[in-house]
Amino acid sequence: MALAGLARHRLVEPADLTAACDAAPWEGAVCTLRSLTVEAFTAQRLGLAAMACALLALVTRWRWAALMALALGSAGLVLYSVGWAAPAVLIAALVLVRPGGESGAGQQVPVER
C-alpha cells in the first residue's frame, strides 16, 4: 500500500507532471512510469487481477495466491480500482484466516473427561 500511495501522490496526481506527460506519455522514464501506473488501474485492471488471484486462492487454498490478491487488492484500493479490489481483499483475507488441516470446521474434536 505504501508503494501504491507513493505512486498515486508522486506520479498520478501532480498537475505539473500530468501537463508534462500529456503531450508524450511514453517518452522519458518518469512519463513512462506514470503511464504504466495509470494503465494499471484504467478499466479496473488492477482490481480484476486481484480478484483473479483471490478466486484462485479460494478454489485452491494457495496462500501465495491469497497474499498476491491481498497485495494487488490493497494497491487497487489506493489506486482508484475499488470496484473489484475491495471484494478481492475480503476474499483473500477469508482464505488466509480459514483454518486448514485436520482441525477444520465441521470435524469433531475429542474431548477429555
Foldseek 3Di string as FASTA:
>chain_A
DVVLLCCCVPQPPDPVNCVVCVVPQCPDDSSVSSVVLLVCCVVLNLLVQLQVLLVVCLVPLDLVSLVVSLVSLVSCVSSVNPPRSVVSNVSSVCSVPQDDDDVHPPDDDDDDD
